């Protein structure tokens, strides 16, 4: 990931109060190292938090999410 993308990720995570979630999300996104055009499927996406982070990094990605809980998908 570029420095600009890492800075954007940090800005997005600044609003997360749960420190463990913030740390986990940072590690997952950095380890995933998304590149333009990547297709990413989040199975069990819940409310789509990780997809939200990925969609706001300024990288053109094809993102998909699925979950069994229809209430989580509505939020």
C-alpha atoms as a PDB file:
ATOM      1  CA  UNK A   1       0.000   0.000   0.000  1.00  0.00           C
ATOM      2  CA  UNK A   2       1.137   3.520  -0.682  1.00  0.00           C
ATOM      3  CA  UNK A   3       1.838   6.035   2.050  1.00  0.00           C
ATOM      4  CA  UNK A   4      -1.272   7.985   1.012  1.00  0.00           C
ATOM      5  CA  UNK A   5      -3.452   4.859   1.276  1.00  0.00           C
ATOM      6  CA  UNK A   6      -2.015   4.041   4.708  1.00  0.00           C
ATOM      7  CA  UNK A   7      -2.741   7.601   5.855  1.00  0.00           C
ATOM      8  CA  UNK A   8      -6.325   7.291   4.590  1.00  0.00           C
ATOM      9  CA  UNK A   9      -6.720   3.991   6.445  1.00  0.00           C
ATOM     10  CA  UNK A  10      -5.510   5.654   9.650  1.00  0.00           C
ATOM     11  CA  UNK A  11      -8.005   8.506   9.153  1.00  0.00           C
ATOM     12  CA  UNK A  12     -10.848   6.017   8.743  1.00  0.00           C
ATOM     13  CA  UNK A  13      -9.761   4.051  11.813  1.00  0.00           C
ATOM     14  CA  UNK A  14      -9.403   7.182  13.977  1.00  0.00           C
ATOM     15  CA  UNK A  15     -13.178   7.090  14.463  1.00  0.00           C
ATOM     16  CA  UNK A  16     -13.200   3.506  15.757  1.00  0.00           C
ATOM     17  CA  UNK A  17     -13.442   3.411  19.539  1.00  0.00           C
ATOM     18  CA  UNK A  18     -12.652  -0.284  19.940  1.00  0.00           C
ATOM     19  CA  UNK A  19      -8.848  -0.459  20.024  1.00  0.00           C
ATOM     20  CA  UNK A  20      -8.758  -4.215  19.319  1.00  0.00           C
ATOM     21  CA  UNK A  21     -11.013  -3.782  16.265  1.00  0.00           C
ATOM     22  CA  UNK A  22      -8.858  -0.910  15.040  1.00  0.00           C
ATOM     23  CA  UNK A  23      -5.687  -3.008  15.384  1.00  0.00           C
ATOM     24  CA  UNK A  24      -7.300  -6.058  13.728  1.00  0.00           C
ATOM     25  CA  UNK A  25      -8.706  -4.017  10.832  1.00  0.00           C
ATOM     26  CA  UNK A  26      -5.367  -2.278  10.229  1.00  0.00           C
ATOM     27  CA  UNK A  27      -3.510  -5.609  10.131  1.00  0.00           C
ATOM     28  CA  UNK A  28      -6.072  -7.266   7.855  1.00  0.00           C
ATOM     29  CA  UNK A  29      -6.105  -4.436   5.318  1.00  0.00           C
ATOM     30  CA  UNK A  30      -2.318  -4.037   5.289  1.00  0.00           C
ATOM     31  CA  UNK A  31      -1.744  -7.809   4.986  1.00  0.00           C
ATOM     32  CA  UNK A  32      -4.349  -8.016   2.218  1.00  0.00           C
ATOM     33  CA  UNK A  33      -2.402  -5.313   0.328  1.00  0.00           C
ATOM     34  CA  UNK A  34      -5.181  -4.569  -2.191  1.00  0.00           C
ATOM     35  CA  UNK A  35      -4.204  -3.606  -5.722  1.00  0.00           C
ATOM     36  CA  UNK A  36      -6.351  -1.829  -8.340  1.00  0.00           C
ATOM     37  CA  UNK A  37      -8.723  -4.269 -10.022  1.00  0.00           C
ATOM     38  CA  UNK A  38      -8.606  -6.858  -7.214  1.00  0.00           C
ATOM     39  CA  UNK A  39     -11.833  -8.705  -6.491  1.00  0.00           C
ATOM     40  CA  UNK A  40     -12.473  -9.145  -2.778  1.00  0.00           C
ATOM     41  CA  UNK A  41     -15.237 -11.232  -1.222  1.00  0.00           C
ATOM     42  CA  UNK A  42     -16.090 -10.761   2.452  1.00  0.00           C
ATOM     43  CA  UNK A  43     -18.071 -13.814   3.588  1.00  0.00           C
ATOM     44  CA  UNK A  44     -19.851 -13.006   6.831  1.00  0.00           C
ATOM     45  CA  UNK A  45     -19.477  -9.283   6.237  1.00  0.00           C
ATOM     46  CA  UNK A  46     -22.043  -8.240   8.856  1.00  0.00           C
ATOM     47  CA  UNK A  47     -22.560  -4.520   8.446  1.00  0.00           C
ATOM     48  CA  UNK A  48     -19.736  -4.317   5.884  1.00  0.00           C
ATOM     49  CA  UNK A  49     -17.142  -2.571   8.058  1.00  0.00           C
ATOM     50  CA  UNK A  50     -14.109  -4.017   6.246  1.00  0.00           C
ATOM     51  CA  UNK A  51     -15.725  -3.420   2.858  1.00  0.00           C
ATOM     52  CA  UNK A  52     -16.327   0.185   3.931  1.00  0.00           C
ATOM     53  CA  UNK A  53     -12.652   0.603   4.785  1.00  0.00           C
ATOM     54  CA  UNK A  54     -11.542  -0.942   1.501  1.00  0.00           C
ATOM     55  CA  UNK A  55     -13.958   1.159  -0.536  1.00  0.00           C
ATOM     56  CA  UNK A  56     -12.597   4.379   0.943  1.00  0.00           C
ATOM     57  CA  UNK A  57      -8.880   3.844   0.345  1.00  0.00           C
ATOM     58  CA  UNK A  58      -8.905   5.372  -3.132  1.00  0.00           C
ATOM     59  CA  UNK A  59      -8.175   2.042  -4.848  1.00  0.00           C
ATOM     60  CA  UNK A  60     -10.452   0.777  -7.627  1.00  0.00           C
ATOM     61  CA  UNK A  61     -11.552  -2.573  -6.226  1.00  0.00           C
ATOM     62  CA  UNK A  62     -14.422  -4.927  -6.950  1.00  0.00           C
ATOM     63  CA  UNK A  63     -15.926  -5.606  -3.543  1.00  0.00           C
ATOM     64  CA  UNK A  64     -18.551  -8.177  -2.627  1.00  0.00           C
ATOM     65  CA  UNK A  65     -20.071  -9.080   0.717  1.00  0.00           C
ATOM     66  CA  UNK A  66     -22.494 -11.686   1.957  1.00  0.00           C
ATOM     67  CA  UNK A  67     -24.013 -12.513   5.316  1.00  0.00           C
ATOM     68  CA  UNK A  68     -26.791 -14.712   6.690  1.00  0.00           C
ATOM     69  CA  UNK A  69     -28.164 -11.944   8.920  1.00  0.00           C
ATOM     70  CA  UNK A  70     -30.535  -9.747   6.879  1.00  0.00           C
ATOM     71  CA  UNK A  71     -30.627  -7.122   9.658  1.00  0.00           C
ATOM     72  CA  UNK A  72     -26.839  -6.708   9.521  1.00  0.00           C
ATOM     73  CA  UNK A  73     -26.986  -6.240   5.761  1.00  0.00           C
ATOM     74  CA  UNK A  74     -29.583  -3.474   6.080  1.00  0.00           C
ATOM     75  CA  UNK A  75     -27.427  -1.306   8.366  1.00  0.00           C
END
